[in-house]
Amino acid sequence: MDNIKINTEFIKLDQFLKWCGFSTIGSNAKLTIENGSVKVNGNIEYRRGRKLFKGDLIEIDEKAYRVL
């Protein structure tokens, strides 16, 4: 699991995918989310605008990230 530090109160899911390096452009992040490939705290998330806060766990394929 990789720990990803943010400097704000929250970050939106699509922005997070770019911030952590999983996706290089927003359209790829959007498709990944819409395809149901992303879990937030164990639940599949389809909203790219979902706000992530410190402590949230994001799973994409075989990778896991924790927001710090």
Protein backbone atom coordinates (compact mmCIF):
# COMPACT_ATOMS: atom_id res chain seq x y z
CA MET A 1 0.00 0.00 0.00
CA ASP A 2 1.25 3.47 -0.89
CA ASN A 3 0.58 6.43 1.37
CA ILE A 4 -0.29 9.61 -0.53
CA LYS A 5 -0.10 12.90 1.36
CA ILE A 6 -2.43 15.74 0.44
CA ASN A 7 -2.03 19.33 1.57
CA THR A 8 -5.72 20.23 1.56
CA GLU A 9 -8.79 19.14 3.54
CA PHE A 10 -9.92 16.84 0.71
CA ILE A 11 -9.17 15.87 -2.88
CA LYS A 12 -11.61 14.70 -5.54
CA LEU A 13 -11.26 11.12 -6.74
CA ASP A 14 -10.34 11.94 -10.34
CA GLN A 15 -7.72 14.44 -9.16
CA PHE A 16 -6.37 11.83 -6.74
CA LEU A 17 -5.80 9.34 -9.56
CA LYS A 18 -3.65 11.92 -11.31
CA TRP A 19 -1.91 13.04 -8.08
CA CYS A 20 -0.83 9.51 -7.14
CA GLY A 21 0.45 8.83 -10.67
CA PHE A 22 -2.10 6.17 -11.60
CA SER A 23 -3.48 8.25 -14.47
CA THR A 24 -1.65 10.90 -16.48
CA ILE A 25 -4.69 12.64 -17.94
CA GLY A 26 -8.18 13.34 -16.66
CA SER A 27 -9.99 11.38 -19.36
CA ASN A 28 -8.18 8.18 -18.34
CA ALA A 29 -9.09 8.79 -14.70
CA LYS A 30 -12.73 9.34 -15.68
CA LEU A 31 -12.90 6.08 -17.66
CA THR A 32 -11.24 4.11 -14.87
CA ILE A 33 -13.83 5.37 -12.39
CA GLU A 34 -16.82 4.92 -14.74
CA ASN A 35 -15.76 1.31 -15.45
CA GLY A 36 -16.10 0.44 -11.75
CA SER A 37 -12.40 -0.23 -11.32
CA VAL A 38 -12.00 1.97 -8.24
CA LYS A 39 -13.00 1.16 -4.67
CA VAL A 40 -13.11 3.73 -1.88
CA ASN A 41 -13.12 2.24 1.62
CA GLY A 42 -14.12 -1.14 0.17
CA ASN A 43 -17.03 0.10 -1.99
CA ILE A 44 -17.02 0.55 -5.77
CA GLU A 45 -17.15 4.26 -6.55
CA TYR A 46 -18.54 5.66 -9.81
CA ARG A 47 -18.47 9.37 -8.92
CA ARG A 48 -15.31 11.07 -10.11
CA GLY A 49 -16.10 14.06 -7.90
CA ARG A 50 -16.18 11.93 -4.73
CA LYS A 51 -14.32 13.79 -2.01
CA LEU A 52 -11.48 11.86 -0.39
CA PHE A 53 -10.35 12.75 3.11
CA LYS A 54 -7.35 11.76 5.18
CA GLY A 55 -7.62 8.10 6.17
CA ASP A 56 -9.58 6.98 3.11
CA LEU A 57 -8.42 3.79 1.37
CA ILE A 58 -8.48 3.71 -2.43
CA GLU A 59 -8.08 0.45 -4.37
CA ILE A 60 -7.44 0.35 -8.10
CA ASP A 61 -6.83 -3.02 -9.73
CA GLU A 62 -4.08 -4.56 -7.58
CA LYS A 63 -2.84 -1.26 -6.06
CA ALA A 64 -3.96 0.29 -2.78
CA TYR A 65 -3.47 3.87 -1.60
CA ARG A 66 -4.12 5.55 1.74
CA VAL A 67 -4.77 9.30 1.87
CA LEU A 68 -2.64 11.04 4.50
